């Protein structure tokens, strides 16, 4: 992977400065979110609940898709 896994929310926000958004950048952001959530002692269920909350950025279907993607990634880090 060309991008390090982010260690903090600030590192994830810094990814927005990258000129190109590609699969590796998205994978790095997802891995960073999982790493941070786990370091905070939260569970996959906590993360899923947060992702499924109403948000103006993603519609309901997109939030469900993202929660499924995060669940798959979570399991691969186990």
N, C-alpha and C. Protein backbone atom coordinates (compact mmCIF):
# COMPACT_ATOMS: atom_id res chain seq x y z
N UNK A 1 0.85 -1.17 0.00
CA UNK A 1 0.00 0.00 0.00
C UNK A 1 0.89 1.24 0.00
N UNK A 2 0.54 2.21 -0.81
CA UNK A 2 1.34 3.42 -0.93
C UNK A 2 1.07 4.44 0.17
N UNK A 3 0.01 4.26 0.92
CA UNK A 3 -0.35 5.20 1.97
C UNK A 3 -0.26 4.51 3.32
N UNK A 4 0.32 5.19 4.32
CA UNK A 4 0.33 4.58 5.65
C UNK A 4 -1.07 4.57 6.24
N UNK A 5 -1.30 3.65 7.15
CA UNK A 5 -2.60 3.59 7.83
C UNK A 5 -2.65 4.73 8.84
N UNK A 6 -3.63 5.59 8.75
CA UNK A 6 -3.74 6.73 9.67
C UNK A 6 -3.87 6.28 11.12
N UNK A 7 -3.25 7.05 12.02
CA UNK A 7 -3.29 6.76 13.45
C UNK A 7 -4.23 7.66 14.23
N UNK A 8 -4.73 8.69 13.58
CA UNK A 8 -5.58 9.65 14.29
C UNK A 8 -6.61 10.24 13.33
N UNK A 9 -7.67 10.83 13.90
CA UNK A 9 -8.64 11.51 13.03
C UNK A 9 -7.99 12.60 12.17
N UNK A 10 -6.97 13.26 12.72
CA UNK A 10 -6.28 14.30 11.96
C UNK A 10 -5.57 13.71 10.75
N UNK A 11 -4.98 12.52 10.93
CA UNK A 11 -4.32 11.86 9.80
C UNK A 11 -5.33 11.50 8.71
N UNK A 12 -6.53 11.09 9.12
CA UNK A 12 -7.56 10.77 8.14
C UNK A 12 -8.00 12.03 7.40
N UNK A 13 -8.19 13.12 8.12
CA UNK A 13 -8.55 14.38 7.47
C UNK A 13 -7.46 14.85 6.52
N UNK A 14 -6.21 14.58 6.86
CA UNK A 14 -5.10 14.98 5.99
C UNK A 14 -5.14 14.26 4.65
N UNK A 15 -5.78 13.11 4.60
CA UNK A 15 -5.89 12.39 3.32
C UNK A 15 -6.66 13.19 2.29
N UNK A 16 -7.50 14.12 2.75
CA UNK A 16 -8.25 14.96 1.81
C UNK A 16 -7.34 15.82 0.96
N UNK A 17 -6.12 16.02 1.41
CA UNK A 17 -5.17 16.87 0.68
C UNK A 17 -4.48 16.13 -0.46
N UNK A 18 -4.66 14.83 -0.53
CA UNK A 18 -4.03 14.06 -1.60
C UNK A 18 -4.67 14.44 -2.94
N UNK A 19 -3.85 14.61 -3.96
CA UNK A 19 -4.39 15.07 -5.25
C UNK A 19 -5.25 14.05 -5.97
N UNK A 20 -5.03 12.77 -5.71
CA UNK A 20 -5.77 11.73 -6.41
C UNK A 20 -6.41 10.80 -5.38
N UNK A 21 -7.70 10.54 -5.57
CA UNK A 21 -8.38 9.57 -4.72
C UNK A 21 -8.45 8.26 -5.50
N UNK A 22 -7.78 7.25 -4.96
CA UNK A 22 -7.80 5.95 -5.60
C UNK A 22 -8.17 4.88 -4.58
N UNK A 23 -8.19 3.64 -5.04
CA UNK A 23 -8.59 2.53 -4.16
C UNK A 23 -7.68 2.42 -2.94
N UNK A 24 -6.40 2.65 -3.11
CA UNK A 24 -5.46 2.53 -2.00
C UNK A 24 -5.68 3.62 -0.96
N UNK A 25 -6.02 4.80 -1.39
CA UNK A 25 -6.29 5.88 -0.45
C UNK A 25 -7.55 5.57 0.35
N UNK A 26 -8.57 5.08 -0.31
CA UNK A 26 -9.81 4.71 0.38
C UNK A 26 -9.55 3.56 1.35
N UNK A 27 -8.79 2.56 0.92
CA UNK A 27 -8.46 1.43 1.79
C UNK A 27 -7.68 1.91 3.01
N UNK A 28 -6.77 2.84 2.82
CA UNK A 28 -6.00 3.39 3.93
C UNK A 28 -6.91 4.11 4.91
N UNK A 29 -7.84 4.89 4.40
CA UNK A 29 -8.79 5.60 5.27
C UNK A 29 -9.65 4.63 6.05
N UNK A 30 -10.14 3.58 5.41
CA UNK A 30 -10.97 2.58 6.09
C UNK A 30 -10.16 1.88 7.17
N UNK A 31 -8.94 1.48 6.83
CA UNK A 31 -8.08 0.82 7.82
C UNK A 31 -7.81 1.75 9.00
N UNK A 32 -7.61 3.03 8.71
CA UNK A 32 -7.37 4.00 9.77
C UNK A 32 -8.57 4.15 10.69
N UNK A 33 -9.75 4.21 10.12
CA UNK A 33 -10.97 4.33 10.93
C UNK A 33 -11.09 3.12 11.85
N UNK A 34 -10.87 1.93 11.31
CA UNK A 34 -10.97 0.73 12.13
C UNK A 34 -9.91 0.73 13.23
N UNK A 35 -8.71 1.11 12.88
CA UNK A 35 -7.62 1.17 13.87
C UNK A 35 -7.95 2.14 15.00
N UNK A 36 -8.46 3.30 14.66
CA UNK A 36 -8.80 4.32 15.65
C UNK A 36 -9.96 3.87 16.53
N UNK A 37 -11.00 3.33 15.91
CA UNK A 37 -12.17 2.87 16.66
C UNK A 37 -11.76 1.77 17.65
N UNK A 38 -10.96 0.84 17.20
CA UNK A 38 -10.49 -0.23 18.10
C UNK A 38 -9.63 0.32 19.23
N UNK A 39 -8.78 1.30 18.94
CA UNK A 39 -7.92 1.86 19.98
C UNK A 39 -8.75 2.60 21.03
N UNK A 40 -9.94 3.02 20.67
CA UNK A 40 -10.84 3.69 21.61
C UNK A 40 -11.69 2.68 22.38
N UNK A 41 -11.46 1.40 22.13
CA UNK A 41 -12.20 0.36 22.83
C UNK A 41 -13.62 0.16 22.33
N UNK A 42 -13.90 0.66 21.16
CA UNK A 42 -15.25 0.51 20.60
C UNK A 42 -15.34 -0.76 19.78
N UNK A 43 -16.55 -1.21 19.56
CA UNK A 43 -16.80 -2.45 18.83
C UNK A 43 -17.25 -2.17 17.40
N UNK A 44 -17.34 -3.24 16.63
CA UNK A 44 -17.88 -3.13 15.28
C UNK A 44 -19.32 -2.63 15.33
N UNK A 45 -20.05 -3.06 16.33
CA UNK A 45 -21.44 -2.60 16.47
C UNK A 45 -21.50 -1.10 16.72
N UNK A 46 -20.57 -0.58 17.52
CA UNK A 46 -20.51 0.87 17.75
C UNK A 46 -20.24 1.61 16.44
N UNK A 47 -19.28 1.11 15.68
CA UNK A 47 -18.93 1.74 14.41
C UNK A 47 -20.10 1.66 13.43
N UNK A 48 -20.73 0.52 13.36
CA UNK A 48 -21.87 0.35 12.46
C UNK A 48 -22.99 1.31 12.81
N UNK A 49 -23.29 1.42 14.09
CA UNK A 49 -24.35 2.35 14.52
C UNK A 49 -24.02 3.78 14.12
N UNK A 50 -22.77 4.15 14.26
CA UNK A 50 -22.36 5.50 13.89
C UNK A 50 -22.49 5.73 12.39
N UNK A 51 -22.09 4.76 11.60
CA UNK A 51 -22.17 4.88 10.14
C UNK A 51 -23.62 4.95 9.67
N UNK A 52 -24.50 4.21 10.34
CA UNK A 52 -25.90 4.16 9.90
C UNK A 52 -26.72 5.36 10.36
N UNK A 53 -26.16 6.23 11.20
CA UNK A 53 -26.89 7.43 11.62
C UNK A 53 -27.19 8.31 10.41
N UNK A 54 -28.32 9.02 10.46
CA UNK A 54 -28.66 9.93 9.38
C UNK A 54 -27.55 10.95 9.18
N UNK A 55 -27.24 11.21 7.93
CA UNK A 55 -26.16 12.12 7.59
C UNK A 55 -26.47 12.73 6.23
N UNK A 56 -26.24 14.01 6.04
CA UNK A 56 -26.56 14.62 4.75
C UNK A 56 -25.58 14.23 3.63
N UNK A 57 -24.43 13.67 3.99
CA UNK A 57 -23.43 13.35 2.97
C UNK A 57 -23.79 12.07 2.20
N UNK A 58 -24.27 11.05 2.91
CA UNK A 58 -24.61 9.78 2.28
C UNK A 58 -26.08 9.47 2.47
N UNK A 59 -26.68 8.86 1.45
CA UNK A 59 -28.07 8.44 1.62
C UNK A 59 -28.10 7.10 2.36
N UNK A 60 -29.29 6.62 2.66
CA UNK A 60 -29.45 5.41 3.48
C UNK A 60 -28.78 4.20 2.83
N UNK A 61 -28.97 4.03 1.54
CA UNK A 61 -28.38 2.89 0.83
C UNK A 61 -26.85 2.96 0.87
N UNK A 62 -26.28 4.13 0.69
CA UNK A 62 -24.83 4.29 0.74
C UNK A 62 -24.29 4.00 2.14
N UNK A 63 -25.03 4.43 3.16
CA UNK A 63 -24.59 4.16 4.53
C UNK A 63 -24.61 2.66 4.82
N UNK A 64 -25.63 1.96 4.33
CA UNK A 64 -25.69 0.50 4.52
C UNK A 64 -24.53 -0.19 3.80
N UNK A 65 -24.26 0.23 2.58
CA UNK A 65 -23.15 -0.34 1.82
C UNK A 65 -21.84 -0.10 2.56
N UNK A 66 -21.64 1.11 3.05
CA UNK A 66 -20.42 1.44 3.78
C UNK A 66 -20.31 0.62 5.06
N UNK A 67 -21.40 0.43 5.76
CA UNK A 67 -21.35 -0.36 7.00
C UNK A 67 -20.98 -1.81 6.69
N UNK A 68 -21.46 -2.35 5.57
CA UNK A 68 -21.10 -3.72 5.18
C UNK A 68 -19.62 -3.81 4.81
N UNK A 69 -19.13 -2.80 4.11
CA UNK A 69 -17.72 -2.76 3.73
C UNK A 69 -16.85 -2.68 4.98
N UNK A 70 -17.23 -1.84 5.94
CA UNK A 70 -16.47 -1.73 7.18
C UNK A 70 -16.48 -3.05 7.96
N UNK A 71 -17.61 -3.74 7.96
CA UNK A 71 -17.70 -5.03 8.66
C UNK A 71 -16.74 -6.04 8.03
N UNK A 72 -16.67 -6.08 6.71
CA UNK A 72 -15.76 -6.99 6.03
C UNK A 72 -14.31 -6.63 6.36
N UNK A 73 -13.99 -5.35 6.34
CA UNK A 73 -12.63 -4.91 6.64
C UNK A 73 -12.30 -5.21 8.10
N UNK A 74 -13.25 -4.99 9.00
CA UNK A 74 -13.05 -5.26 10.42
C UNK A 74 -12.65 -6.72 10.62
N UNK A 75 -13.39 -7.61 9.96
CA UNK A 75 -13.12 -9.05 10.10
C UNK A 75 -11.75 -9.42 9.53
N UNK A 76 -11.33 -8.74 8.49
CA UNK A 76 -10.02 -9.07 7.90
C UNK A 76 -8.86 -8.63 8.79
N UNK A 77 -9.12 -7.69 9.72
CA UNK A 77 -8.09 -7.25 10.64
C UNK A 77 -8.08 -8.07 11.93
N UNK A 78 -9.03 -9.00 12.05
CA UNK A 78 -9.13 -9.80 13.27
C UNK A 78 -8.15 -10.94 13.28
